[in-house]
Amino acid sequence: MRRLIGVIGLCLLTLTVLGQSTSKYQVATITEVKPHQNSGSGASDVVSYDVSAKVGDTIYVVLYTLPPGEIAPTYFAGRNLLVLVGKNTITYNDILGRSFDVPIESQRPAKPSQKPE
C-alpha cells in the first residue's frame, strides 16, 4: 500500500514539474553599439546606447542605460552573451550574476548570410 501511494505521489510530482514553463536562454551576438540620440532638449547625465543583438534569425535593438561606474559598451560588438527574450524586454546577467532587463526598441529579421560558391 505504501509503495502504491509512493508511486502515485511520484507521478503527480513529475506531472507538476513537466507542467511548469521553463525559461529558454539563447545566445545573442552583439552586432552594433551606437550612442542613443535623446529626443529631449534638456541635458542629461544618463548615458544610453542603442545596442543591436542578433538572437537566432532576429536582430533586436535594445536601449542600454549605462549604470554608474560601468564601462561604456562601445567595444562590445562581436561579444556573445546569454539572453532571455521576452515580449517587450531582453533579460541578461552580468559577470556577477545580477539579472538586468533592457527594453526592446525594435526588431527585424536578420539577413541570411551569403555563402560563397
N, C-alpha and C. Protein backbone atom coordinates (compact mmCIF):
# COMPACT_ATOMS: atom_id res chain seq x y z
N MET A 1 0.82 -1.19 0.00
CA MET A 1 0.00 0.00 0.00
C MET A 1 0.87 1.26 0.00
N ARG A 2 1.91 1.25 0.83
CA ARG A 2 2.80 2.42 0.87
C ARG A 2 3.51 2.60 -0.47
N ARG A 3 3.87 1.49 -1.06
CA ARG A 3 4.55 1.56 -2.34
C ARG A 3 3.64 2.18 -3.40
N LEU A 4 2.38 1.82 -3.41
CA LEU A 4 1.41 2.36 -4.36
C LEU A 4 1.23 3.86 -4.16
N ILE A 5 1.12 4.29 -2.92
CA ILE A 5 0.99 5.72 -2.63
C ILE A 5 2.26 6.47 -3.05
N GLY A 6 3.42 5.85 -2.83
CA GLY A 6 4.68 6.47 -3.25
C GLY A 6 4.77 6.63 -4.75
N VAL A 7 4.33 5.61 -5.49
CA VAL A 7 4.36 5.68 -6.95
C VAL A 7 3.40 6.75 -7.45
N ILE A 8 2.21 6.82 -6.88
CA ILE A 8 1.23 7.84 -7.28
C ILE A 8 1.76 9.24 -6.96
N GLY A 9 2.37 9.41 -5.80
CA GLY A 9 2.96 10.70 -5.43
C GLY A 9 4.07 11.10 -6.38
N LEU A 10 4.90 10.14 -6.77
CA LEU A 10 5.99 10.42 -7.71
C LEU A 10 5.44 10.82 -9.07
N CYS A 11 4.37 10.17 -9.51
CA CYS A 11 3.76 10.52 -10.80
C CYS A 11 3.17 11.93 -10.75
N LEU A 12 2.51 12.27 -9.66
CA LEU A 12 1.94 13.61 -9.53
C LEU A 12 3.04 14.67 -9.49
N LEU A 13 4.13 14.37 -8.80
CA LEU A 13 5.26 15.31 -8.75
C LEU A 13 5.85 15.51 -10.14
N THR A 14 5.99 14.44 -10.89
CA THR A 14 6.53 14.53 -12.25
C THR A 14 5.62 15.38 -13.13
N LEU A 15 4.32 15.21 -13.02
CA LEU A 15 3.38 16.00 -13.83
C LEU A 15 3.47 17.48 -13.51
N THR A 16 3.62 17.84 -12.23
CA THR A 16 3.71 19.25 -11.88
C THR A 16 5.00 19.86 -12.40
N VAL A 17 6.09 19.13 -12.38
CA VAL A 17 7.36 19.64 -12.89
C VAL A 17 7.29 19.83 -14.40
N LEU A 18 6.70 18.88 -15.10
CA LEU A 18 6.60 18.99 -16.55
C LEU A 18 5.64 20.08 -16.98
N GLY A 19 4.67 20.41 -16.15
CA GLY A 19 3.69 21.44 -16.48
C GLY A 19 4.21 22.85 -16.32
N GLN A 20 5.33 23.04 -15.63
CA GLN A 20 5.86 24.37 -15.42
C GLN A 20 6.55 24.86 -16.68
N SER A 21 6.39 26.16 -16.96
CA SER A 21 7.07 26.73 -18.12
C SER A 21 8.53 26.99 -17.75
N THR A 22 9.40 26.73 -18.68
CA THR A 22 10.82 26.93 -18.44
C THR A 22 11.31 28.09 -19.28
N SER A 23 12.23 28.84 -18.72
CA SER A 23 12.84 29.94 -19.44
C SER A 23 13.90 29.37 -20.37
N LYS A 24 13.96 29.89 -21.58
CA LYS A 24 14.94 29.40 -22.53
C LYS A 24 15.90 30.52 -22.88
N TYR A 25 17.07 30.47 -22.27
CA TYR A 25 18.09 31.43 -22.60
C TYR A 25 18.71 31.05 -23.94
N GLN A 26 19.05 32.06 -24.73
CA GLN A 26 19.64 31.85 -26.05
C GLN A 26 20.92 32.68 -26.16
N VAL A 27 21.77 32.28 -27.08
CA VAL A 27 23.00 33.03 -27.33
C VAL A 27 22.68 34.23 -28.21
N ALA A 28 23.13 35.40 -27.77
CA ALA A 28 22.98 36.63 -28.55
C ALA A 28 24.37 37.12 -28.91
N THR A 29 24.52 37.63 -30.10
CA THR A 29 25.77 38.24 -30.55
C THR A 29 25.52 39.72 -30.73
N ILE A 30 26.29 40.54 -30.02
CA ILE A 30 26.16 41.99 -30.16
C ILE A 30 26.76 42.38 -31.50
N THR A 31 25.95 43.01 -32.34
CA THR A 31 26.40 43.35 -33.68
C THR A 31 26.77 44.82 -33.83
N GLU A 32 26.18 45.69 -33.01
CA GLU A 32 26.44 47.13 -33.16
C GLU A 32 26.08 47.85 -31.87
N VAL A 33 26.87 48.88 -31.54
CA VAL A 33 26.60 49.72 -30.38
C VAL A 33 26.73 51.17 -30.83
N LYS A 34 25.64 51.95 -30.63
CA LYS A 34 25.65 53.37 -31.00
C LYS A 34 25.12 54.19 -29.83
N PRO A 35 25.65 55.39 -29.63
CA PRO A 35 25.08 56.27 -28.60
C PRO A 35 23.62 56.57 -28.94
N HIS A 36 22.77 56.56 -27.92
CA HIS A 36 21.34 56.82 -28.11
C HIS A 36 21.12 58.32 -28.27
N GLN A 37 20.36 58.68 -29.29
CA GLN A 37 20.04 60.08 -29.54
C GLN A 37 18.82 60.45 -28.72
N ASN A 38 19.01 61.29 -27.71
CA ASN A 38 17.88 61.74 -26.89
C ASN A 38 17.03 62.72 -27.68
N SER A 39 15.71 62.56 -27.58
CA SER A 39 14.82 63.46 -28.29
C SER A 39 14.49 64.69 -27.47
N GLY A 40 14.82 64.66 -26.17
CA GLY A 40 14.55 65.80 -25.30
C GLY A 40 15.58 66.90 -25.51
N SER A 41 15.22 68.12 -25.12
CA SER A 41 16.13 69.25 -25.31
C SER A 41 17.04 69.47 -24.11
N GLY A 42 16.69 68.89 -22.95
CA GLY A 42 17.50 69.09 -21.74
C GLY A 42 18.71 68.18 -21.71
N ALA A 43 19.80 68.68 -21.13
CA ALA A 43 21.00 67.87 -20.99
C ALA A 43 20.78 66.88 -19.84
N SER A 44 21.25 65.67 -20.02
CA SER A 44 21.05 64.64 -19.01
C SER A 44 22.39 63.97 -18.71
N ASP A 45 22.56 63.57 -17.44
CA ASP A 45 23.78 62.86 -17.06
C ASP A 45 23.68 61.37 -17.38
N VAL A 46 22.49 60.90 -17.75
CA VAL A 46 22.29 59.49 -18.05
C VAL A 46 22.81 59.21 -19.46
N VAL A 47 23.69 58.22 -19.56
CA VAL A 47 24.26 57.84 -20.85
C VAL A 47 23.58 56.55 -21.30
N SER A 48 23.02 56.58 -22.50
CA SER A 48 22.32 55.41 -23.03
C SER A 48 22.88 55.05 -24.40
N TYR A 49 22.73 53.77 -24.75
CA TYR A 49 23.22 53.27 -26.03
C TYR A 49 22.14 52.43 -26.68
N ASP A 50 22.11 52.46 -28.01
CA ASP A 50 21.28 51.55 -28.79
C ASP A 50 22.17 50.36 -29.13
N VAL A 51 21.84 49.22 -28.57
CA VAL A 51 22.66 48.01 -28.77
C VAL A 51 21.86 47.05 -29.64
N SER A 52 22.46 46.64 -30.76
CA SER A 52 21.85 45.66 -31.65
C SER A 52 22.42 44.29 -31.32
N ALA A 53 21.53 43.31 -31.15
CA ALA A 53 21.96 41.96 -30.82
C ALA A 53 21.20 40.97 -31.69
N LYS A 54 21.94 40.03 -32.26
CA LYS A 54 21.34 39.00 -33.10
C LYS A 54 21.06 37.77 -32.24
N VAL A 55 19.78 37.40 -32.19
CA VAL A 55 19.36 36.21 -31.47
C VAL A 55 18.62 35.33 -32.47
N GLY A 56 19.21 34.21 -32.82
CA GLY A 56 18.60 33.35 -33.83
C GLY A 56 18.55 34.06 -35.17
N ASP A 57 17.36 34.18 -35.72
CA ASP A 57 17.16 34.82 -37.03
C ASP A 57 16.62 36.23 -36.89
N THR A 58 16.74 36.84 -35.70
CA THR A 58 16.20 38.17 -35.45
C THR A 58 17.25 39.07 -34.86
N ILE A 59 17.24 40.33 -35.29
CA ILE A 59 18.11 41.34 -34.69
C ILE A 59 17.24 42.26 -33.85
N TYR A 60 17.58 42.35 -32.57
CA TYR A 60 16.85 43.21 -31.64
C TYR A 60 17.70 44.45 -31.35
N VAL A 61 17.05 45.60 -31.29
CA VAL A 61 17.71 46.83 -30.86
C VAL A 61 17.13 47.17 -29.50
N VAL A 62 18.02 47.22 -28.50
CA VAL A 62 17.59 47.50 -27.13
C VAL A 62 18.22 48.79 -26.65
N LEU A 63 17.57 49.40 -25.67
CA LEU A 63 18.09 50.63 -25.07
C LEU A 63 18.84 50.24 -23.80
N TYR A 64 20.16 50.40 -23.83
CA TYR A 64 21.01 50.06 -22.69
C TYR A 64 21.43 51.35 -22.00
N THR A 65 21.04 51.49 -20.73
CA THR A 65 21.42 52.65 -19.94
C THR A 65 22.62 52.27 -19.09
N LEU A 66 23.67 53.02 -19.19
CA LEU A 66 24.93 52.71 -18.52
C LEU A 66 24.80 52.94 -17.02
N PRO A 67 24.96 51.88 -16.21
CA PRO A 67 24.93 52.07 -14.75
C PRO A 67 26.16 52.86 -14.30
N PRO A 68 26.04 53.60 -13.19
CA PRO A 68 27.20 54.36 -12.70
C PRO A 68 28.39 53.45 -12.41
N GLY A 69 29.55 53.87 -12.85
CA GLY A 69 30.77 53.13 -12.60
C GLY A 69 31.06 52.01 -13.58
N GLU A 70 30.19 51.80 -14.55
CA GLU A 70 30.40 50.73 -15.53
C GLU A 70 31.14 51.27 -16.75
N ILE A 71 31.76 50.36 -17.48
CA ILE A 71 32.49 50.71 -18.70
C ILE A 71 31.50 50.83 -19.85
N ALA A 72 31.67 51.83 -20.69
CA ALA A 72 30.80 52.02 -21.85
C ALA A 72 30.90 50.82 -22.78
N PRO A 73 29.79 50.39 -23.35
CA PRO A 73 29.78 49.18 -24.19
C PRO A 73 30.25 49.43 -25.62
N THR A 74 31.00 50.49 -25.84
CA THR A 74 31.41 50.87 -27.18
C THR A 74 32.13 49.74 -27.93
N TYR A 75 32.91 48.95 -27.22
CA TYR A 75 33.71 47.91 -27.87
C TYR A 75 33.15 46.51 -27.65
N PHE A 76 31.85 46.40 -27.37
CA PHE A 76 31.24 45.11 -27.11
C PHE A 76 30.79 44.38 -28.37
N ALA A 77 30.87 45.01 -29.54
CA ALA A 77 30.43 44.37 -30.79
C ALA A 77 31.23 43.09 -31.00
N GLY A 78 30.53 42.02 -31.34
CA GLY A 78 31.15 40.72 -31.54
C GLY A 78 31.10 39.83 -30.31
N ARG A 79 30.73 40.40 -29.18
CA ARG A 79 30.67 39.64 -27.93
C ARG A 79 29.39 38.82 -27.88
N ASN A 80 29.48 37.60 -27.34
CA ASN A 80 28.32 36.73 -27.16
C ASN A 80 27.90 36.73 -25.70
N LEU A 81 26.60 36.64 -25.46
CA LEU A 81 26.09 36.51 -24.11
C LEU A 81 24.75 35.79 -24.16
N LEU A 82 24.37 35.22 -23.02
CA LEU A 82 23.09 34.53 -22.93
C LEU A 82 22.00 35.52 -22.58
N VAL A 83 20.89 35.45 -23.29
CA VAL A 83 19.77 36.36 -23.05
C VAL A 83 18.47 35.57 -23.04
N LEU A 84 17.49 36.17 -22.38
CA LEU A 84 16.14 35.64 -22.38
C LEU A 84 15.25 36.69 -23.03
N VAL A 85 14.71 36.35 -24.19
CA VAL A 85 13.89 37.30 -24.94
C VAL A 85 12.46 37.22 -24.45
N GLY A 86 11.95 38.36 -23.98
CA GLY A 86 10.57 38.46 -23.54
C GLY A 86 9.74 39.20 -24.57
N LYS A 87 8.52 39.57 -24.19
CA LYS A 87 7.64 40.26 -25.11
C LYS A 87 8.14 41.68 -25.40
N ASN A 88 8.54 42.42 -24.34
CA ASN A 88 8.97 43.81 -24.50
C ASN A 88 10.39 44.06 -23.98
N THR A 89 11.01 43.04 -23.40
CA THR A 89 12.35 43.22 -22.82
C THR A 89 13.24 42.04 -23.14
N ILE A 90 14.52 42.27 -22.97
CA ILE A 90 15.51 41.20 -23.03
C ILE A 90 16.21 41.20 -21.68
N THR A 91 16.35 40.01 -21.11
CA THR A 91 17.00 39.85 -19.82
C THR A 91 18.38 39.25 -20.03
N TYR A 92 19.37 39.80 -19.33
CA TYR A 92 20.73 39.25 -19.39
C TYR A 92 21.32 39.31 -17.98
N ASN A 93 22.37 38.56 -17.76
CA ASN A 93 23.07 38.56 -16.49
C ASN A 93 24.47 39.14 -16.68
N ASP A 94 24.90 39.95 -15.70
CA ASP A 94 26.25 40.49 -15.77
C ASP A 94 27.24 39.45 -15.22
N ILE A 95 28.49 39.83 -15.15
CA ILE A 95 29.54 38.90 -14.73
C ILE A 95 29.38 38.45 -13.28
N LEU A 96 28.66 39.24 -12.48
CA LEU A 96 28.41 38.88 -11.08
C LEU A 96 27.13 38.07 -10.91
N GLY A 97 26.44 37.82 -12.01
CA GLY A 97 25.22 37.03 -11.95
C GLY A 97 23.96 37.84 -11.68
N ARG A 98 24.08 39.17 -11.65
CA ARG A 98 22.90 40.01 -11.44
C ARG A 98 22.11 40.07 -12.74
N SER A 99 20.79 40.01 -12.62
CA SER A 99 19.91 39.99 -13.78
C SER A 99 19.43 41.40 -14.10
N PHE A 100 19.46 41.76 -15.38
CA PHE A 100 19.03 43.08 -15.84
C PHE A 100 18.07 42.92 -17.01
N ASP A 101 17.08 43.80 -17.07
CA ASP A 101 16.15 43.85 -18.19
C ASP A 101 16.41 45.13 -18.98
N VAL A 102 16.45 45.02 -20.30
CA VAL A 102 16.57 46.19 -21.16
C VAL A 102 15.39 46.19 -22.11
N PRO A 103 14.79 47.38 -22.35
CA PRO A 103 13.62 47.43 -23.23
C PRO A 103 14.00 47.23 -24.70
N ILE A 104 13.15 46.50 -25.40
CA ILE A 104 13.33 46.30 -26.85
C ILE A 104 12.76 47.51 -27.56
N GLU A 105 13.60 48.20 -28.34
CA GLU A 105 13.15 49.35 -29.13
C GLU A 105 12.57 48.90 -30.47
N SER A 106 13.22 47.93 -31.09
CA SER A 106 12.73 47.43 -32.38
C SER A 106 13.32 46.05 -32.63
N GLN A 107 12.76 45.38 -33.61
CA GLN A 107 13.30 44.10 -34.04
C GLN A 107 13.05 43.94 -35.52
N ARG A 108 13.94 43.17 -36.15
CA ARG A 108 13.82 42.93 -37.58
C ARG A 108 14.46 41.58 -37.90
N PRO A 109 14.06 40.98 -39.00
CA PRO A 109 14.70 39.71 -39.38
C PRO A 109 16.16 39.95 -39.76
N ALA A 110 17.00 39.01 -39.39
CA ALA A 110 18.40 39.09 -39.78
C ALA A 110 18.52 38.66 -41.23
N LYS A 111 19.38 39.33 -41.95
CA LYS A 111 19.61 38.96 -43.35
C LYS A 111 20.35 37.64 -43.38
N PRO A 112 19.93 36.74 -44.25
CA PRO A 112 20.65 35.46 -44.34
C PRO A 112 22.08 35.69 -44.82
N SER A 113 23.00 34.96 -44.26
CA SER A 113 24.40 35.13 -44.67
C SER A 113 24.60 34.55 -46.05
N GLN A 114 25.41 35.23 -46.82
CA GLN A 114 25.71 34.81 -48.19
C GLN A 114 26.81 33.74 -48.14
N LYS A 115 26.54 32.59 -48.75
CA LYS A 115 27.53 31.53 -48.80
C LYS A 115 28.34 31.68 -50.08
N PRO A 116 29.67 31.69 -49.97
CA PRO A 116 30.48 31.78 -51.19
C PRO A 116 30.37 30.47 -51.99
N GLU A 117 30.35 30.62 -53.29
CA GLU A 117 30.23 29.44 -54.15
C GLU A 117 31.55 29.04 -54.73
